[in-house]
């Protein structure tokens, strides 16, 4: 049985409700974890592809900017050599390069937005995976029916990537300061 048809289903699900409806929650949580792991892997592949595409667009933009600059220099040389028609053609080609750069920059903006969206989705899926793994541990420990799908484990804090780890530490320090527990 498949529990999720889309990645958003994983992010928005309530694991406690799903498990409460199952005759065998232990088997169900195993299947759920498997499906979430597949979702995480798929999101990571999509994220890597989107990042590669954004990098390619950045390189392509640089190439076309350089070509435009070379064409401008060639136009200057043509003018200096009294070749006005040649200079005009070079400037037309330069303008075409700049138009292409403008279009590529729009694509790059879209690609960067996609990378940001996929990064957020990937992180949400990882969070749901950790949640499901905690639910599994609760089931194995005989803790059944917990309604708290947002419970956190202190050991999980170490699995978060380093840049996010610092954000978490900063937020923890701010909360301690706010509560006067510095």
N, C-alpha and C. Protein backbone atom coordinates (compact mmCIF):
# COMPACT_ATOMS: atom_id res chain seq x y z
N UNK A 1 0.83 -1.18 0.00
CA UNK A 1 0.00 0.00 0.00
C UNK A 1 0.88 1.24 0.00
N UNK A 2 0.58 2.18 -0.86
CA UNK A 2 1.32 3.43 -0.92
C UNK A 2 0.59 4.48 -0.08
N UNK A 3 1.32 5.11 0.81
CA UNK A 3 0.71 6.12 1.68
C UNK A 3 0.73 7.51 1.06
N UNK A 4 1.69 7.76 0.16
CA UNK A 4 1.87 9.10 -0.37
C UNK A 4 1.92 9.07 -1.89
N UNK A 5 1.21 9.98 -2.52
CA UNK A 5 1.26 10.07 -3.97
C UNK A 5 2.10 11.25 -4.42
N UNK A 6 2.32 12.21 -3.53
CA UNK A 6 3.12 13.39 -3.85
C UNK A 6 4.00 13.74 -2.66
N UNK A 7 5.06 14.49 -2.94
CA UNK A 7 5.94 14.91 -1.86
C UNK A 7 5.21 15.79 -0.86
N UNK A 8 4.28 16.60 -1.33
CA UNK A 8 3.54 17.45 -0.40
C UNK A 8 2.69 16.63 0.56
N UNK A 9 2.28 15.43 0.13
CA UNK A 9 1.54 14.55 1.03
C UNK A 9 2.41 14.16 2.22
N UNK A 10 3.69 13.94 1.97
CA UNK A 10 4.61 13.57 3.05
C UNK A 10 4.75 14.72 4.03
N UNK A 11 4.94 15.91 3.49
CA UNK A 11 5.17 17.08 4.34
C UNK A 11 3.93 17.41 5.16
N UNK A 12 2.75 17.25 4.60
CA UNK A 12 1.53 17.68 5.28
C UNK A 12 0.82 16.58 6.08
N UNK A 13 1.34 15.37 6.04
CA UNK A 13 0.64 14.27 6.73
C UNK A 13 0.74 14.39 8.25
N UNK A 14 -0.18 13.74 8.91
CA UNK A 14 -0.16 13.60 10.35
C UNK A 14 0.10 12.13 10.63
N UNK A 15 1.33 11.83 11.01
CA UNK A 15 1.72 10.43 11.20
C UNK A 15 0.89 9.74 12.28
N UNK A 16 0.57 10.47 13.33
CA UNK A 16 -0.22 9.85 14.41
C UNK A 16 -1.57 9.39 13.90
N UNK A 17 -2.21 10.21 13.06
CA UNK A 17 -3.51 9.83 12.51
C UNK A 17 -3.39 8.62 11.59
N UNK A 18 -2.37 8.63 10.74
CA UNK A 18 -2.17 7.50 9.82
C UNK A 18 -1.96 6.22 10.61
N UNK A 19 -1.10 6.28 11.62
CA UNK A 19 -0.79 5.08 12.40
C UNK A 19 -1.98 4.62 13.24
N UNK A 20 -2.79 5.55 13.70
CA UNK A 20 -3.96 5.20 14.51
C UNK A 20 -4.99 4.41 13.70
N UNK A 21 -4.98 4.61 12.37
CA UNK A 21 -5.94 3.92 11.50
C UNK A 21 -5.44 2.55 11.06
N UNK A 22 -4.22 2.21 11.36
CA UNK A 22 -3.62 0.96 10.89
C UNK A 22 -3.81 -0.16 11.91
N UNK A 23 -4.04 -1.36 11.39
CA UNK A 23 -4.12 -2.53 12.26
C UNK A 23 -2.75 -2.90 12.81
N UNK A 24 -1.72 -2.72 11.96
CA UNK A 24 -0.36 -3.04 12.38
C UNK A 24 0.51 -1.80 12.20
N UNK A 25 0.56 -0.93 13.19
CA UNK A 25 1.31 0.31 13.06
C UNK A 25 2.81 0.11 12.83
N UNK A 26 3.37 -0.99 13.37
CA UNK A 26 4.80 -1.25 13.19
C UNK A 26 5.14 -1.47 11.71
N UNK A 27 4.32 -2.28 11.04
CA UNK A 27 4.53 -2.50 9.60
C UNK A 27 4.26 -1.22 8.81
N UNK A 28 3.24 -0.50 9.21
CA UNK A 28 2.88 0.73 8.52
C UNK A 28 4.01 1.76 8.61
N UNK A 29 4.59 1.90 9.79
CA UNK A 29 5.65 2.91 9.94
C UNK A 29 6.88 2.53 9.11
N UNK A 30 7.14 1.24 8.98
CA UNK A 30 8.25 0.80 8.13
C UNK A 30 8.02 1.22 6.68
N UNK A 31 6.80 1.01 6.19
CA UNK A 31 6.46 1.39 4.81
C UNK A 31 6.50 2.91 4.65
N UNK A 32 6.01 3.60 5.65
CA UNK A 32 6.01 5.07 5.60
C UNK A 32 7.44 5.58 5.56
N UNK A 33 8.30 5.05 6.38
CA UNK A 33 9.70 5.48 6.39
C UNK A 33 10.34 5.20 5.04
N UNK A 34 10.07 4.04 4.48
CA UNK A 34 10.62 3.69 3.15
C UNK A 34 10.17 4.71 2.10
N UNK A 35 8.88 5.02 2.10
CA UNK A 35 8.36 5.99 1.12
C UNK A 35 8.95 7.38 1.33
N UNK A 36 9.10 7.78 2.57
CA UNK A 36 9.69 9.09 2.84
C UNK A 36 11.15 9.11 2.40
N UNK A 37 11.88 8.02 2.65
CA UNK A 37 13.28 7.96 2.21
C UNK A 37 13.37 8.07 0.69
N UNK A 38 12.44 7.43 -0.02
CA UNK A 38 12.42 7.56 -1.48
C UNK A 38 12.14 9.01 -1.88
N UNK A 39 11.23 9.66 -1.17
CA UNK A 39 10.92 11.06 -1.44
C UNK A 39 12.11 11.97 -1.18
N UNK A 40 12.82 11.72 -0.09
CA UNK A 40 14.01 12.51 0.23
C UNK A 40 15.06 12.33 -0.86
N UNK A 41 15.27 11.09 -1.29
CA UNK A 41 16.26 10.82 -2.33
C UNK A 41 15.87 11.50 -3.65
N UNK A 42 14.60 11.44 -4.00
CA UNK A 42 14.13 12.09 -5.22
C UNK A 42 14.26 13.60 -5.15
N UNK A 43 13.95 14.17 -4.00
CA UNK A 43 14.08 15.62 -3.82
C UNK A 43 15.54 16.03 -3.91
N UNK A 44 16.42 15.22 -3.36
CA UNK A 44 17.86 15.52 -3.43
C UNK A 44 18.35 15.47 -4.88
N UNK A 45 17.89 14.47 -5.63
CA UNK A 45 18.28 14.40 -7.05
C UNK A 45 17.79 15.63 -7.81
N UNK A 46 16.55 16.02 -7.57
CA UNK A 46 15.99 17.20 -8.23
C UNK A 46 16.76 18.46 -7.83
N UNK A 47 17.11 18.54 -6.56
CA UNK A 47 17.87 19.70 -6.07
C UNK A 47 19.24 19.78 -6.74
N UNK A 48 19.91 18.65 -6.85
CA UNK A 48 21.23 18.63 -7.50
C UNK A 48 21.11 19.02 -8.98
N UNK A 49 20.10 18.51 -9.66
CA UNK A 49 19.89 18.86 -11.07
C UNK A 49 19.61 20.34 -11.23
N UNK A 50 18.76 20.88 -10.38
CA UNK A 50 18.43 22.31 -10.46
C UNK A 50 19.66 23.16 -10.17
N UNK A 51 20.47 22.74 -9.21
CA UNK A 51 21.70 23.47 -8.90
C UNK A 51 22.67 23.44 -10.06
N UNK A 52 22.79 22.29 -10.71
CA UNK A 52 23.66 22.16 -11.88
C UNK A 52 23.18 23.06 -13.00
N UNK A 53 21.87 23.11 -13.21
CA UNK A 53 21.31 23.98 -14.25
C UNK A 53 21.58 25.45 -13.95
N UNK A 54 21.44 25.85 -12.70
CA UNK A 54 21.71 27.24 -12.32
C UNK A 54 23.18 27.58 -12.55
N UNK A 55 24.07 26.66 -12.20
CA UNK A 55 25.51 26.88 -12.42
C UNK A 55 25.81 27.01 -13.92
N UNK A 56 25.18 26.17 -14.72
CA UNK A 56 25.38 26.22 -16.17
C UNK A 56 24.92 27.56 -16.73
N UNK A 57 23.77 28.03 -16.27
CA UNK A 57 23.26 29.32 -16.73
C UNK A 57 24.20 30.46 -16.35
N UNK A 58 24.76 30.41 -15.14
CA UNK A 58 25.71 31.44 -14.72
C UNK A 58 26.93 31.46 -15.64
N UNK A 59 27.46 30.29 -15.95
CA UNK A 59 28.62 30.22 -16.85
C UNK A 59 28.26 30.72 -18.24
N UNK A 60 27.10 30.35 -18.72
CA UNK A 60 26.66 30.78 -20.05
C UNK A 60 26.50 32.30 -20.11
N UNK A 61 25.97 32.88 -19.05
CA UNK A 61 25.83 34.34 -18.99
C UNK A 61 27.20 34.99 -19.07
N UNK A 62 28.16 34.48 -18.31
CA UNK A 62 29.51 35.03 -18.34
C UNK A 62 30.11 34.98 -19.74
N UNK A 63 29.91 33.87 -20.44
CA UNK A 63 30.45 33.71 -21.79
C UNK A 63 29.84 34.76 -22.73
N UNK A 64 28.54 34.96 -22.66
CA UNK A 64 27.89 35.92 -23.55
C UNK A 64 28.25 37.36 -23.21
N UNK A 65 28.46 37.65 -21.94
CA UNK A 65 28.91 38.99 -21.55
C UNK A 65 30.31 39.25 -22.14
N UNK A 66 31.19 38.25 -22.00
CA UNK A 66 32.54 38.39 -22.56
C UNK A 66 32.48 38.57 -24.08
N UNK A 67 31.62 37.80 -24.73
CA UNK A 67 31.49 37.94 -26.19
C UNK A 67 31.00 39.33 -26.56
N UNK A 68 30.05 39.86 -25.78
CA UNK A 68 29.56 41.22 -26.03
C UNK A 68 30.66 42.25 -25.87
N UNK A 69 31.50 42.07 -24.84
CA UNK A 69 32.61 43.00 -24.63
C UNK A 69 33.63 42.92 -25.77
N UNK A 70 33.91 41.72 -26.25
CA UNK A 70 34.83 41.56 -27.38
C UNK A 70 34.27 42.22 -28.63
N UNK A 71 32.98 42.05 -28.87
CA UNK A 71 32.35 42.66 -30.04
C UNK A 71 32.42 44.19 -29.94
N UNK A 72 32.24 44.73 -28.74
CA UNK A 72 32.33 46.17 -28.55
C UNK A 72 33.75 46.65 -28.88
N UNK A 73 34.75 45.90 -28.43
CA UNK A 73 36.14 46.27 -28.71
C UNK A 73 36.42 46.18 -30.21
N UNK A 74 35.88 45.16 -30.85
CA UNK A 74 36.06 45.02 -32.30
C UNK A 74 35.38 46.17 -33.04
N UNK A 75 34.24 46.63 -32.54
CA UNK A 75 33.54 47.77 -33.16
C UNK A 75 34.39 49.03 -33.04
N UNK A 76 35.02 49.21 -31.89
CA UNK A 76 35.91 50.36 -31.71
C UNK A 76 37.05 50.31 -32.72
N UNK A 77 37.64 49.11 -32.86
CA UNK A 77 38.73 48.95 -33.83
C UNK A 77 38.25 49.22 -35.25
N UNK A 78 37.04 48.78 -35.57
CA UNK A 78 36.50 49.00 -36.92
C UNK A 78 36.28 50.50 -37.17
N UNK A 79 35.80 51.21 -36.17
CA UNK A 79 35.60 52.66 -36.32
C UNK A 79 36.94 53.35 -36.51
N UNK A 80 37.93 52.91 -35.72
CA UNK A 80 39.27 53.50 -35.86
C UNK A 80 39.85 53.25 -37.25
N UNK A 81 39.42 52.18 -37.90
CA UNK A 81 39.90 51.84 -39.25
C UNK A 81 38.95 52.36 -40.33
N UNK A 82 38.05 53.26 -39.94
CA UNK A 82 37.07 53.84 -40.88
C UNK A 82 36.22 52.78 -41.56
N UNK A 83 35.83 51.73 -40.82
CA UNK A 83 34.95 50.68 -41.35
C UNK A 83 33.61 50.76 -40.60
N UNK A 84 32.84 51.78 -40.90
CA UNK A 84 31.60 52.06 -40.18
C UNK A 84 30.58 50.93 -40.33
N UNK A 85 30.44 50.38 -41.52
CA UNK A 85 29.48 49.28 -41.73
C UNK A 85 29.87 48.06 -40.88
N UNK A 86 31.15 47.76 -40.84
CA UNK A 86 31.64 46.64 -40.01
C UNK A 86 31.34 46.92 -38.54
N UNK A 87 31.60 48.15 -38.10
CA UNK A 87 31.34 48.52 -36.70
C UNK A 87 29.85 48.37 -36.38
N UNK A 88 29.01 48.80 -37.29
CA UNK A 88 27.56 48.70 -37.11
C UNK A 88 27.15 47.23 -36.94
N UNK A 89 27.65 46.34 -37.78
CA UNK A 89 27.33 44.91 -37.70
C UNK A 89 27.82 44.33 -36.37
N UNK A 90 29.00 44.74 -35.95
CA UNK A 90 29.52 44.25 -34.68
C UNK A 90 28.66 44.72 -33.51
N UNK A 91 28.19 45.97 -33.59
CA UNK A 91 27.32 46.49 -32.53
C UNK A 91 25.96 45.80 -32.51
N UNK A 92 25.46 45.42 -33.69
CA UNK A 92 24.22 44.64 -33.76
C UNK A 92 24.42 43.30 -33.06
N UNK A 93 25.54 42.65 -33.35
CA UNK A 93 25.84 41.35 -32.72
C UNK A 93 26.02 41.51 -31.20
N UNK A 94 26.65 42.63 -30.78
CA UNK A 94 26.82 42.91 -29.35
C UNK A 94 25.45 43.04 -28.70
N UNK A 95 24.55 43.77 -29.33
CA UNK A 95 23.19 43.96 -28.80
C UNK A 95 22.48 42.61 -28.70
N UNK A 96 22.66 41.76 -29.69
CA UNK A 96 22.05 40.42 -29.63
C UNK A 96 22.60 39.63 -28.45
N UNK A 97 23.89 39.75 -28.17
CA UNK A 97 24.49 39.06 -27.02
C UNK A 97 23.87 39.57 -25.72
N UNK A 98 23.69 40.89 -25.62
CA UNK A 98 23.11 41.46 -24.41
C UNK A 98 21.64 41.06 -24.25
N UNK A 99 20.92 40.96 -25.37
CA UNK A 99 19.54 40.48 -25.30
C UNK A 99 19.50 39.03 -24.81
N UNK A 100 20.43 38.24 -25.30
CA UNK A 100 20.52 36.84 -24.86
C UNK A 100 20.85 36.77 -23.37
N UNK A 101 21.77 37.63 -22.93
CA UNK A 101 22.12 37.67 -21.51
C UNK A 101 20.89 38.01 -20.66
N UNK A 102 20.09 38.98 -21.12
CA UNK A 102 18.88 39.36 -20.38
C UNK A 102 17.93 38.17 -20.24
N UNK A 103 17.75 37.43 -21.32
CA UNK A 103 16.89 36.24 -21.27
C UNK A 103 17.46 35.17 -20.35
N UNK A 104 18.77 34.97 -20.41
CA UNK A 104 19.41 33.97 -19.56
C UNK A 104 19.34 34.36 -18.09
N UNK A 105 19.41 35.67 -17.81
CA UNK A 105 19.31 36.12 -16.42
C UNK A 105 17.92 35.84 -15.86
N UNK A 106 16.89 35.97 -16.68
CA UNK A 106 15.54 35.61 -16.22
C UNK A 106 15.46 34.12 -15.93
N UNK A 107 16.06 33.32 -16.80
CA UNK A 107 16.07 31.87 -16.57
C UNK A 107 16.85 31.54 -15.30
N UNK A 108 17.96 32.25 -15.09
CA UNK A 108 18.77 32.02 -13.90
C UNK A 108 17.97 32.37 -12.64
N UNK A 109 17.24 33.45 -12.69
CA UNK A 109 16.41 33.83 -11.55
C UNK A 109 15.39 32.73 -11.24
N UNK A 110 14.76 32.21 -12.28
CA UNK A 110 13.81 31.11 -12.08
C UNK A 110 14.50 29.87 -11.54
N UNK A 111 15.69 29.58 -12.08
CA UNK A 111 16.44 28.40 -11.62
C UNK A 111 16.83 28.56 -10.15
N UNK A 112 17.25 29.76 -9.75
CA UNK A 112 17.61 29.99 -8.35
C UNK A 112 16.40 29.88 -7.44
N UNK A 113 15.25 30.36 -7.90
CA UNK A 113 14.01 30.20 -7.12
C UNK A 113 13.66 28.72 -6.96
N UNK A 114 13.85 27.96 -8.03
CA UNK A 114 13.58 26.52 -7.97
C UNK A 114 14.52 25.84 -6.98
N UNK A 115 15.79 26.21 -7.01
CA UNK A 115 16.76 25.64 -6.06
C UNK A 115 16.32 25.94 -4.63
N UNK A 116 15.91 27.18 -4.39
CA UNK A 116 15.46 27.56 -3.05
C UNK A 116 14.21 26.75 -2.64
N UNK A 117 13.27 26.61 -3.56
CA UNK A 117 12.06 25.84 -3.27
C UNK A 117 12.41 24.37 -2.99
N UNK A 118 13.26 23.80 -3.82
CA UNK A 118 13.63 22.39 -3.64
C UNK A 118 14.43 22.19 -2.36
N UNK A 119 15.24 23.16 -1.99
CA UNK A 119 15.99 23.07 -0.73
C UNK A 119 15.03 23.04 0.45
N UNK A 120 14.04 23.91 0.42
CA UNK A 120 13.03 23.95 1.48
C UNK A 120 12.25 22.64 1.54
N UNK A 121 11.86 22.15 0.38
CA UNK A 121 11.12 20.89 0.32
C UNK A 121 11.97 19.73 0.84
N UNK A 122 13.23 19.69 0.43
CA UNK A 122 14.14 18.63 0.87
C UNK A 122 14.28 18.66 2.40
N UNK A 123 14.44 19.85 2.95
CA UNK A 123 14.57 19.97 4.42
C UNK A 123 13.29 19.53 5.11
N UNK A 124 12.14 19.89 4.56
CA UNK A 124 10.87 19.48 5.15
C UNK A 124 10.71 17.97 5.11
N UNK A 125 11.13 17.37 4.01
CA UNK A 125 11.04 15.91 3.90
C UNK A 125 11.98 15.23 4.90
N UNK A 126 13.18 15.79 5.06
CA UNK A 126 14.10 15.22 6.05
C UNK A 126 13.52 15.34 7.46
N UNK A 127 12.89 16.47 7.73
CA UNK A 127 12.26 16.65 9.05
C UNK A 127 11.16 15.62 9.27
N UNK A 128 10.36 15.38 8.23
CA UNK A 128 9.29 14.38 8.35
C UNK A 128 9.88 12.98 8.51
N UNK A 129 10.99 12.71 7.84
CA UNK A 129 11.66 11.41 7.99
C UNK A 129 12.11 11.22 9.43
N UNK A 130 12.72 12.26 10.01
CA UNK A 130 13.16 12.15 11.41
C UNK A 130 11.96 11.95 12.32
N UNK A 131 10.87 12.62 12.02
CA UNK A 131 9.64 12.47 12.79
C UNK A 131 9.15 11.02 12.72
N UNK A 132 9.15 10.45 11.51
CA UNK A 132 8.69 9.07 11.34
C UNK A 132 9.63 8.10 12.07
N UNK A 133 10.91 8.37 12.04
CA UNK A 133 11.86 7.50 12.75
C UNK A 133 11.64 7.57 14.26
N UNK A 134 11.28 8.77 14.77
CA UNK A 134 10.96 8.87 16.20
C UNK A 134 9.68 8.10 16.51
N UNK A 135 8.69 8.19 15.60
CA UNK A 135 7.44 7.45 15.80
C UNK A 135 7.72 5.94 15.85
N UNK A 136 8.60 5.51 14.97
CA UNK A 136 8.96 4.08 14.95
C UNK A 136 9.58 3.69 16.29
N UNK A 137 10.48 4.52 16.78
CA UNK A 137 11.12 4.23 18.06
C UNK A 137 10.09 4.22 19.19
N UNK A 138 9.15 5.15 19.13
CA UNK A 138 8.09 5.17 20.13
C UNK A 138 7.29 3.87 20.09
N UNK A 139 6.97 3.40 18.88
CA UNK A 139 6.23 2.15 18.75
C UNK A 139 7.03 0.98 19.31
N UNK A 140 8.32 0.97 19.01
CA UNK A 140 9.17 -0.11 19.52
C UNK A 140 9.29 -0.06 21.04
N UNK A 141 9.22 1.15 21.60
CA UNK A 141 9.32 1.31 23.05
C UNK A 141 7.98 1.20 23.75
N UNK A 142 6.91 0.96 22.98
CA UNK A 142 5.58 0.79 23.57
C UNK A 142 4.85 2.10 23.82
N UNK A 143 5.39 3.20 23.33
CA UNK A 143 4.71 4.49 23.46
C UNK A 143 3.83 4.64 22.24
N UNK A 144 2.52 4.44 22.41
CA UNK A 144 1.60 4.45 21.27
C UNK A 144 0.62 5.60 21.43
N UNK A 145 0.28 6.21 20.27
CA UNK A 145 -0.77 7.22 20.25
C UNK A 145 -0.31 8.62 20.59
N UNK A 146 0.96 8.90 20.50
CA UNK A 146 1.41 10.25 20.75
C UNK A 146 0.86 11.18 19.69
N UNK A 147 0.20 12.25 20.12
CA UNK A 147 -0.37 13.21 19.18
C UNK A 147 0.61 14.29 18.79
N UNK A 148 1.81 14.27 19.34
CA UNK A 148 2.77 15.34 19.09
C UNK A 148 3.66 14.99 17.90
N UNK A 149 3.26 15.42 16.69
CA UNK A 149 4.04 15.15 15.49
C UNK A 149 5.21 16.11 15.34
N UNK A 150 5.39 17.02 16.29
CA UNK A 150 6.47 17.99 16.17
C UNK A 150 7.53 17.79 17.24
N UNK A 151 7.45 16.70 18.00
CA UNK A 151 8.40 16.43 19.07
C UNK A 151 9.81 16.33 18.49
N UNK A 152 10.79 16.87 19.21
CA UNK A 152 12.17 16.84 18.72
C UNK A 152 13.04 16.02 19.64
N UNK A 153 14.11 15.48 19.09
CA UNK A 153 15.08 14.71 19.86
C UNK A 153 16.39 15.49 19.91
N UNK A 154 17.02 15.51 21.07
CA UNK A 154 18.26 16.29 21.18
C UNK A 154 19.37 15.70 20.34
N UNK A 155 19.45 14.40 20.18
CA UNK A 155 20.52 13.82 19.36
C UNK A 155 20.35 14.17 17.89
N UNK A 156 19.13 14.47 17.46
CA UNK A 156 18.89 14.82 16.07
C UNK A 156 19.55 16.14 15.70
N UNK A 157 19.73 17.01 16.68
CA UNK A 157 20.32 18.33 16.46
C UNK A 157 21.68 18.21 15.79
N UNK A 158 22.38 17.13 16.04
CA UNK A 158 23.70 16.96 15.45
C UNK A 158 23.66 16.52 13.99
N UNK A 159 22.51 16.04 13.50
CA UNK A 159 22.42 15.59 12.11
C UNK A 159 22.10 16.73 11.15
N UNK A 160 21.76 17.90 11.67
CA UNK A 160 21.44 19.05 10.84
C UNK A 160 22.73 19.60 10.24
N UNK A 161 22.67 20.05 8.97
CA UNK A 161 23.87 20.55 8.33
C UNK A 161 24.43 21.74 9.09
N UNK A 162 25.76 21.99 9.00
CA UNK A 162 26.44 22.98 9.83
C UNK A 162 25.86 24.39 9.77
N UNK A 163 25.51 24.91 8.60
CA UNK A 163 24.99 26.27 8.54
C UNK A 163 23.65 26.39 9.27
N UNK A 164 22.84 25.39 9.17
CA UNK A 164 21.57 25.39 9.90
C UNK A 164 21.81 25.16 11.38
N UNK A 165 22.85 24.41 11.71
CA UNK A 165 23.21 24.17 13.10
C UNK A 165 23.49 25.49 13.80
N UNK A 166 24.20 26.40 13.12
CA UNK A 166 24.52 27.69 13.71
C UNK A 166 23.24 28.51 13.91
N UNK A 167 22.33 28.44 12.95
CA UNK A 167 21.06 29.15 13.11
C UNK A 167 20.30 28.64 14.33
N UNK A 168 20.33 27.34 14.52
CA UNK A 168 19.65 26.74 15.66
C UNK A 168 20.30 27.19 16.96
N UNK A 169 21.64 27.19 16.99
CA UNK A 169 22.36 27.63 18.19
C UNK A 169 22.07 29.10 18.49
N UNK A 170 22.04 29.93 17.44
CA UNK A 170 21.73 31.36 17.62
C UNK A 170 20.32 31.54 18.17
N UNK A 171 19.37 30.78 17.62
CA UNK A 171 18.00 30.88 18.09
C UNK A 171 17.88 30.40 19.53
N UNK A 172 18.60 29.32 19.87
CA UNK A 172 18.60 28.81 21.24
C UNK A 172 19.16 29.86 22.20
N UNK A 173 20.25 30.51 21.82
CA UNK A 173 20.84 31.56 22.66
C UNK A 173 19.87 32.72 22.84
N UNK A 174 19.19 33.11 21.77
CA UNK A 174 18.22 34.20 21.85
C UNK A 174 17.07 33.85 22.79
N UNK A 175 16.59 32.60 22.71
CA UNK A 175 15.51 32.17 23.59
C UNK A 175 15.96 32.16 25.05
N UNK A 176 17.18 31.69 25.30
CA UNK A 176 17.72 31.69 26.66
C UNK A 176 17.81 33.11 27.20
N UNK A 177 18.29 34.02 26.35
CA UNK A 177 18.42 35.42 26.75
C UNK A 177 17.04 36.00 27.06
N UNK A 178 16.07 35.69 26.20
CA UNK A 178 14.71 36.18 26.38
C UNK A 178 14.12 35.69 27.70
N UNK A 179 14.46 34.45 28.06
CA UNK A 179 13.93 33.87 29.30
C UNK A 179 14.82 34.18 30.51
N UNK A 180 15.92 34.90 30.29
CA UNK A 180 16.83 35.24 31.37
C UNK A 180 17.63 34.06 31.88
N UNK A 181 17.90 33.08 31.00
CA UNK A 181 18.64 31.88 31.39
C UNK A 181 19.97 31.79 30.65
N UNK A 182 20.64 32.90 30.57
CA UNK A 182 21.90 32.93 29.80
C UNK A 182 22.98 32.15 30.48
